[in-house]
Amino acid sequence: MCRESFVKWMEVEKRTVNLGSLFFCCTSNCGYFKWSDVSPIQKSVRYEGGSSGVSLATSVDNSVQTEDLWCIVKMFVRISEEEDVEIFLNVTIGKGKDIVEENGKRKGPTEDD
């Protein structure tokens, strides 16, 4: 996998024998592909404490990142409705090294760091 982009966790939507299967792929054209061996509906999302992350490179266009985040949210909504499960999503959005918590206080390095 290249280090110029980020990995997306996706689901096969084309009507083939792999319909509904999950996989990882790189958002650039490096050709990275790996089937996911864990299905989100095989484990309890609420109680297992599992997580899925996306690490974004600084060279990726913000509009692409926003679109990908929206696709992830829509996937969780669809899974929640189809499987009648509750899915809790915690998103942290940071710029540089600063992270802002929900209450508006800074979390992360200060100017003195």
N, C-alpha and C. Protein backbone atom coordinates (compact mmCIF):
# COMPACT_ATOMS: atom_id res chain seq x y z
N MET A 1 0.84 -1.17 0.00
CA MET A 1 0.00 0.00 0.00
C MET A 1 0.89 1.23 0.00
N CYS A 2 0.48 2.23 -0.77
CA CYS A 2 1.25 3.47 -0.82
C CYS A 2 0.97 4.32 0.41
N ARG A 3 1.76 5.34 0.61
CA ARG A 3 1.57 6.23 1.76
C ARG A 3 1.05 7.60 1.31
N GLU A 4 0.57 7.70 0.09
CA GLU A 4 0.11 8.97 -0.45
C GLU A 4 -1.38 9.20 -0.25
N SER A 5 -2.10 8.20 0.20
CA SER A 5 -3.54 8.33 0.32
C SER A 5 -4.00 7.63 1.59
N PHE A 6 -5.23 7.13 1.63
CA PHE A 6 -5.71 6.42 2.79
C PHE A 6 -6.50 5.19 2.37
N VAL A 7 -6.71 4.29 3.31
CA VAL A 7 -7.40 3.04 3.04
C VAL A 7 -8.88 3.21 3.35
N LYS A 8 -9.72 2.72 2.44
CA LYS A 8 -11.17 2.76 2.66
C LYS A 8 -11.67 1.35 2.93
N TRP A 9 -12.65 1.24 3.82
CA TRP A 9 -13.30 -0.03 4.10
C TRP A 9 -14.61 0.01 3.35
N MET A 10 -14.81 -0.88 2.41
CA MET A 10 -15.95 -0.80 1.51
C MET A 10 -16.70 -2.12 1.45
N GLU A 11 -17.89 -2.07 0.84
CA GLU A 11 -18.74 -3.24 0.68
C GLU A 11 -19.03 -3.42 -0.81
N VAL A 12 -18.99 -4.68 -1.28
CA VAL A 12 -19.31 -4.97 -2.67
C VAL A 12 -20.80 -4.73 -2.89
N GLU A 13 -21.13 -3.87 -3.85
CA GLU A 13 -22.54 -3.57 -4.15
C GLU A 13 -22.99 -4.18 -5.47
N LYS A 14 -22.02 -4.59 -6.29
CA LYS A 14 -22.36 -5.20 -7.58
C LYS A 14 -22.95 -6.59 -7.34
N ARG A 15 -23.96 -6.95 -8.11
CA ARG A 15 -24.63 -8.24 -7.95
C ARG A 15 -23.76 -9.37 -8.50
N THR A 16 -22.86 -9.84 -7.63
CA THR A 16 -21.99 -10.97 -7.95
C THR A 16 -22.00 -11.91 -6.76
N VAL A 17 -21.19 -12.96 -6.81
CA VAL A 17 -21.11 -13.88 -5.67
C VAL A 17 -20.54 -13.19 -4.44
N ASN A 18 -19.87 -12.06 -4.62
CA ASN A 18 -19.27 -11.33 -3.49
C ASN A 18 -20.17 -10.21 -2.96
N LEU A 19 -21.41 -10.13 -3.39
CA LEU A 19 -22.33 -9.08 -2.95
C LEU A 19 -22.39 -9.03 -1.42
N GLY A 20 -22.15 -7.85 -0.87
CA GLY A 20 -22.19 -7.67 0.59
C GLY A 20 -20.86 -7.93 1.28
N SER A 21 -19.89 -8.48 0.57
CA SER A 21 -18.58 -8.74 1.17
C SER A 21 -17.85 -7.42 1.42
N LEU A 22 -17.06 -7.39 2.49
CA LEU A 22 -16.32 -6.18 2.84
C LEU A 22 -14.86 -6.32 2.42
N PHE A 23 -14.25 -5.19 2.07
CA PHE A 23 -12.85 -5.21 1.65
C PHE A 23 -12.21 -3.86 1.93
N PHE A 24 -10.88 -3.86 1.92
CA PHE A 24 -10.09 -2.65 2.08
C PHE A 24 -9.44 -2.33 0.74
N CYS A 25 -9.37 -1.05 0.40
CA CYS A 25 -8.65 -0.64 -0.81
C CYS A 25 -8.08 0.75 -0.61
N CYS A 26 -7.06 1.06 -1.36
CA CYS A 26 -6.41 2.37 -1.29
C CYS A 26 -7.15 3.34 -2.20
N THR A 27 -7.24 4.61 -1.79
CA THR A 27 -7.95 5.60 -2.59
C THR A 27 -7.12 6.13 -3.76
N SER A 28 -5.85 5.79 -3.79
CA SER A 28 -5.05 6.16 -4.96
C SER A 28 -5.04 4.97 -5.92
N ASN A 29 -4.30 5.05 -6.96
CA ASN A 29 -4.27 3.98 -7.95
C ASN A 29 -3.11 3.01 -7.74
N CYS A 30 -2.73 2.76 -6.48
CA CYS A 30 -1.59 1.87 -6.22
C CYS A 30 -1.97 0.40 -6.36
N GLY A 31 -3.27 0.07 -6.36
CA GLY A 31 -3.71 -1.31 -6.54
C GLY A 31 -3.88 -2.10 -5.25
N TYR A 32 -3.71 -1.47 -4.08
CA TYR A 32 -3.87 -2.18 -2.81
C TYR A 32 -5.31 -2.68 -2.67
N PHE A 33 -5.47 -3.97 -2.31
CA PHE A 33 -6.78 -4.58 -2.10
C PHE A 33 -6.62 -5.72 -1.11
N LYS A 34 -7.54 -5.82 -0.16
CA LYS A 34 -7.53 -6.93 0.79
C LYS A 34 -8.96 -7.18 1.25
N TRP A 35 -9.39 -8.44 1.19
CA TRP A 35 -10.72 -8.78 1.70
C TRP A 35 -10.72 -8.61 3.21
N SER A 36 -11.81 -8.12 3.74
CA SER A 36 -11.98 -7.99 5.18
C SER A 36 -12.54 -9.30 5.70
N ASP A 37 -11.91 -9.85 6.74
CA ASP A 37 -12.39 -11.12 7.29
C ASP A 37 -13.30 -10.92 8.49
N VAL A 38 -13.71 -9.70 8.77
CA VAL A 38 -14.61 -9.41 9.87
C VAL A 38 -15.80 -8.64 9.32
N SER A 39 -16.98 -9.14 9.60
CA SER A 39 -18.19 -8.45 9.17
C SER A 39 -18.75 -7.65 10.33
N PRO A 40 -19.21 -6.42 10.11
CA PRO A 40 -19.74 -5.63 11.22
C PRO A 40 -21.00 -6.22 11.82
N ILE A 41 -21.68 -7.11 11.11
CA ILE A 41 -22.90 -7.70 11.66
C ILE A 41 -22.63 -9.02 12.37
N GLN A 42 -21.40 -9.52 12.36
CA GLN A 42 -21.07 -10.74 13.08
C GLN A 42 -20.76 -10.48 14.54
N LYS A 43 -20.42 -9.25 14.88
CA LYS A 43 -20.09 -8.90 16.25
C LYS A 43 -21.01 -7.78 16.71
N SER A 44 -21.25 -7.73 17.99
CA SER A 44 -22.05 -6.65 18.55
C SER A 44 -21.25 -5.37 18.51
N VAL A 45 -21.71 -4.41 17.75
CA VAL A 45 -20.98 -3.15 17.61
C VAL A 45 -20.93 -2.40 18.93
N ARG A 46 -22.02 -2.47 19.69
CA ARG A 46 -22.10 -1.69 20.93
C ARG A 46 -21.20 -2.24 22.03
N TYR A 47 -21.09 -3.53 22.16
CA TYR A 47 -20.43 -4.11 23.32
C TYR A 47 -19.06 -4.71 23.06
N GLU A 48 -18.68 -4.91 21.84
CA GLU A 48 -17.40 -5.54 21.55
C GLU A 48 -16.23 -4.57 21.68
N GLY A 49 -16.48 -3.30 21.57
CA GLY A 49 -15.40 -2.33 21.69
C GLY A 49 -14.50 -2.29 20.47
N GLY A 50 -14.95 -2.83 19.36
CA GLY A 50 -14.15 -2.80 18.15
C GLY A 50 -14.17 -1.42 17.53
N SER A 51 -13.20 -1.17 16.67
CA SER A 51 -13.18 0.13 16.02
C SER A 51 -12.64 0.00 14.61
N SER A 52 -12.96 0.96 13.80
CA SER A 52 -12.46 1.03 12.45
C SER A 52 -11.92 2.44 12.24
N GLY A 53 -10.74 2.56 11.71
CA GLY A 53 -10.16 3.89 11.57
C GLY A 53 -9.72 4.18 10.16
N VAL A 54 -9.63 5.45 9.87
CA VAL A 54 -9.12 5.91 8.59
C VAL A 54 -8.05 6.94 8.89
N SER A 55 -6.86 6.72 8.35
CA SER A 55 -5.78 7.67 8.53
C SER A 55 -5.63 8.47 7.25
N LEU A 56 -5.79 9.76 7.33
CA LEU A 56 -5.77 10.59 6.14
C LEU A 56 -4.41 11.23 5.93
N ALA A 57 -3.95 11.24 4.70
CA ALA A 57 -2.71 11.93 4.36
C ALA A 57 -3.01 13.40 4.11
N THR A 58 -2.02 14.24 4.30
CA THR A 58 -2.25 15.68 4.15
C THR A 58 -2.46 16.08 2.69
N SER A 59 -2.07 15.23 1.75
CA SER A 59 -2.21 15.59 0.35
C SER A 59 -3.59 15.30 -0.22
N VAL A 60 -4.47 14.67 0.54
CA VAL A 60 -5.79 14.31 0.05
C VAL A 60 -6.71 15.54 0.11
N ASP A 61 -7.47 15.75 -0.94
CA ASP A 61 -8.41 16.87 -1.04
C ASP A 61 -9.48 16.76 0.05
N ASN A 62 -9.76 17.87 0.75
CA ASN A 62 -10.76 17.86 1.82
C ASN A 62 -12.13 17.45 1.34
N SER A 63 -12.51 17.80 0.12
CA SER A 63 -13.83 17.41 -0.38
C SER A 63 -13.93 15.90 -0.53
N VAL A 64 -12.83 15.24 -0.88
CA VAL A 64 -12.80 13.78 -0.98
C VAL A 64 -12.95 13.18 0.41
N GLN A 65 -12.26 13.74 1.40
CA GLN A 65 -12.36 13.25 2.77
C GLN A 65 -13.79 13.38 3.29
N THR A 66 -14.43 14.51 3.03
CA THR A 66 -15.80 14.74 3.48
C THR A 66 -16.75 13.75 2.83
N GLU A 67 -16.58 13.51 1.54
CA GLU A 67 -17.43 12.57 0.82
C GLU A 67 -17.25 11.15 1.37
N ASP A 68 -16.00 10.76 1.64
CA ASP A 68 -15.74 9.43 2.17
C ASP A 68 -16.33 9.26 3.57
N LEU A 69 -16.22 10.29 4.40
CA LEU A 69 -16.80 10.23 5.74
C LEU A 69 -18.31 10.08 5.65
N TRP A 70 -18.94 10.81 4.75
CA TRP A 70 -20.38 10.72 4.57
C TRP A 70 -20.78 9.32 4.11
N CYS A 71 -19.99 8.70 3.22
CA CYS A 71 -20.28 7.33 2.77
C CYS A 71 -20.20 6.34 3.93
N ILE A 72 -19.23 6.53 4.82
CA ILE A 72 -19.10 5.66 5.99
C ILE A 72 -20.31 5.79 6.89
N VAL A 73 -20.76 7.02 7.12
CA VAL A 73 -21.93 7.25 7.97
C VAL A 73 -23.17 6.61 7.35
N LYS A 74 -23.35 6.78 6.03
CA LYS A 74 -24.51 6.17 5.36
C LYS A 74 -24.46 4.65 5.46
N MET A 75 -23.26 4.05 5.38
CA MET A 75 -23.13 2.60 5.50
C MET A 75 -23.58 2.15 6.88
N PHE A 76 -23.16 2.87 7.94
CA PHE A 76 -23.57 2.52 9.29
C PHE A 76 -25.08 2.65 9.48
N VAL A 77 -25.67 3.68 8.90
CA VAL A 77 -27.13 3.86 8.99
C VAL A 77 -27.84 2.69 8.33
N ARG A 78 -27.37 2.30 7.14
CA ARG A 78 -27.99 1.18 6.42
C ARG A 78 -27.87 -0.12 7.20
N ILE A 79 -26.68 -0.39 7.75
CA ILE A 79 -26.48 -1.60 8.54
C ILE A 79 -27.38 -1.58 9.77
N SER A 80 -27.46 -0.43 10.42
CA SER A 80 -28.31 -0.29 11.60
C SER A 80 -29.77 -0.60 11.29
N GLU A 81 -30.26 -0.08 10.18
CA GLU A 81 -31.65 -0.30 9.79
C GLU A 81 -31.90 -1.74 9.35
N GLU A 82 -31.00 -2.31 8.55
CA GLU A 82 -31.18 -3.66 8.03
C GLU A 82 -31.05 -4.73 9.11
N GLU A 83 -30.15 -4.54 10.05
CA GLU A 83 -29.87 -5.56 11.06
C GLU A 83 -30.51 -5.25 12.41
N ASP A 84 -31.23 -4.13 12.51
CA ASP A 84 -31.89 -3.70 13.74
C ASP A 84 -30.91 -3.69 14.91
N VAL A 85 -29.78 -3.00 14.71
CA VAL A 85 -28.77 -2.85 15.76
C VAL A 85 -28.50 -1.36 15.97
N GLU A 86 -27.97 -1.04 17.14
CA GLU A 86 -27.55 0.32 17.42
C GLU A 86 -26.06 0.45 17.11
N ILE A 87 -25.69 1.48 16.41
CA ILE A 87 -24.29 1.74 16.10
C ILE A 87 -23.93 3.11 16.65
N PHE A 88 -22.88 3.15 17.45
CA PHE A 88 -22.42 4.41 18.03
C PHE A 88 -21.15 4.83 17.31
N LEU A 89 -21.11 6.04 16.83
CA LEU A 89 -19.99 6.53 16.04
C LEU A 89 -19.36 7.72 16.73
N ASN A 90 -18.05 7.63 16.97
CA ASN A 90 -17.30 8.72 17.58
C ASN A 90 -16.29 9.21 16.55
N VAL A 91 -16.42 10.45 16.14
CA VAL A 91 -15.53 11.01 15.13
C VAL A 91 -14.70 12.12 15.75
N THR A 92 -13.40 12.05 15.56
CA THR A 92 -12.50 13.11 15.99
C THR A 92 -11.91 13.74 14.74
N ILE A 93 -12.08 15.04 14.62
CA ILE A 93 -11.55 15.75 13.46
C ILE A 93 -10.46 16.68 13.95
N GLY A 94 -9.26 16.50 13.44
CA GLY A 94 -8.15 17.32 13.88
C GLY A 94 -7.52 18.05 12.71
N LYS A 95 -6.97 19.19 13.00
CA LYS A 95 -6.23 19.96 11.99
C LYS A 95 -4.82 20.13 12.53
N GLY A 96 -3.87 19.60 11.81
CA GLY A 96 -2.50 19.62 12.32
C GLY A 96 -2.42 18.75 13.55
N LYS A 97 -1.89 19.31 14.64
CA LYS A 97 -1.76 18.55 15.87
C LYS A 97 -2.84 18.92 16.88
N ASP A 98 -3.67 19.91 16.56
CA ASP A 98 -4.72 20.34 17.48
C ASP A 98 -5.97 19.50 17.30
N ILE A 99 -6.62 19.16 18.40
CA ILE A 99 -7.89 18.46 18.39
C ILE A 99 -8.82 19.23 19.32
N VAL A 100 -10.01 19.51 18.86
CA VAL A 100 -10.98 20.23 19.67
C VAL A 100 -12.00 19.24 20.20
N GLU A 101 -12.21 19.25 21.53
CA GLU A 101 -13.19 18.36 22.12
C GLU A 101 -14.58 18.93 21.91
N GLU A 102 -15.60 18.13 22.25
CA GLU A 102 -16.98 18.55 22.06
C GLU A 102 -17.31 19.83 22.81
N ASN A 103 -16.72 20.04 23.98
CA ASN A 103 -17.05 21.22 24.77
C ASN A 103 -16.28 22.46 24.31
N GLY A 104 -15.50 22.34 23.25
CA GLY A 104 -14.79 23.48 22.69
C GLY A 104 -13.40 23.72 23.26
N LYS A 105 -13.01 22.96 24.29
CA LYS A 105 -11.67 23.13 24.86
C LYS A 105 -10.65 22.42 23.98
N ARG A 106 -9.46 22.98 23.93
CA ARG A 106 -8.41 22.35 23.14
C ARG A 106 -7.90 21.10 23.82
N LYS A 107 -7.63 20.11 23.01
CA LYS A 107 -7.05 18.87 23.48
C LYS A 107 -5.87 18.61 22.56
N GLY A 108 -4.70 18.58 23.09
CA GLY A 108 -3.53 18.39 22.25
C GLY A 108 -2.46 19.40 22.59
N PRO A 109 -1.42 19.46 21.77
CA PRO A 109 -0.29 20.35 22.05
C PRO A 109 -0.72 21.82 22.09
N THR A 110 -0.05 22.58 22.93
CA THR A 110 -0.28 24.02 22.98
C THR A 110 0.86 24.71 22.25
N GLU A 111 0.79 26.03 22.17
CA GLU A 111 1.85 26.77 21.48
C GLU A 111 3.18 26.63 22.18
N ASP A 112 3.16 26.30 23.48
CA ASP A 112 4.40 26.14 24.24
C ASP A 112 5.09 24.82 23.94
N ASP A 113 4.39 23.87 23.31
CA ASP A 113 4.96 22.53 23.06
C ASP A 113 5.98 22.57 21.96
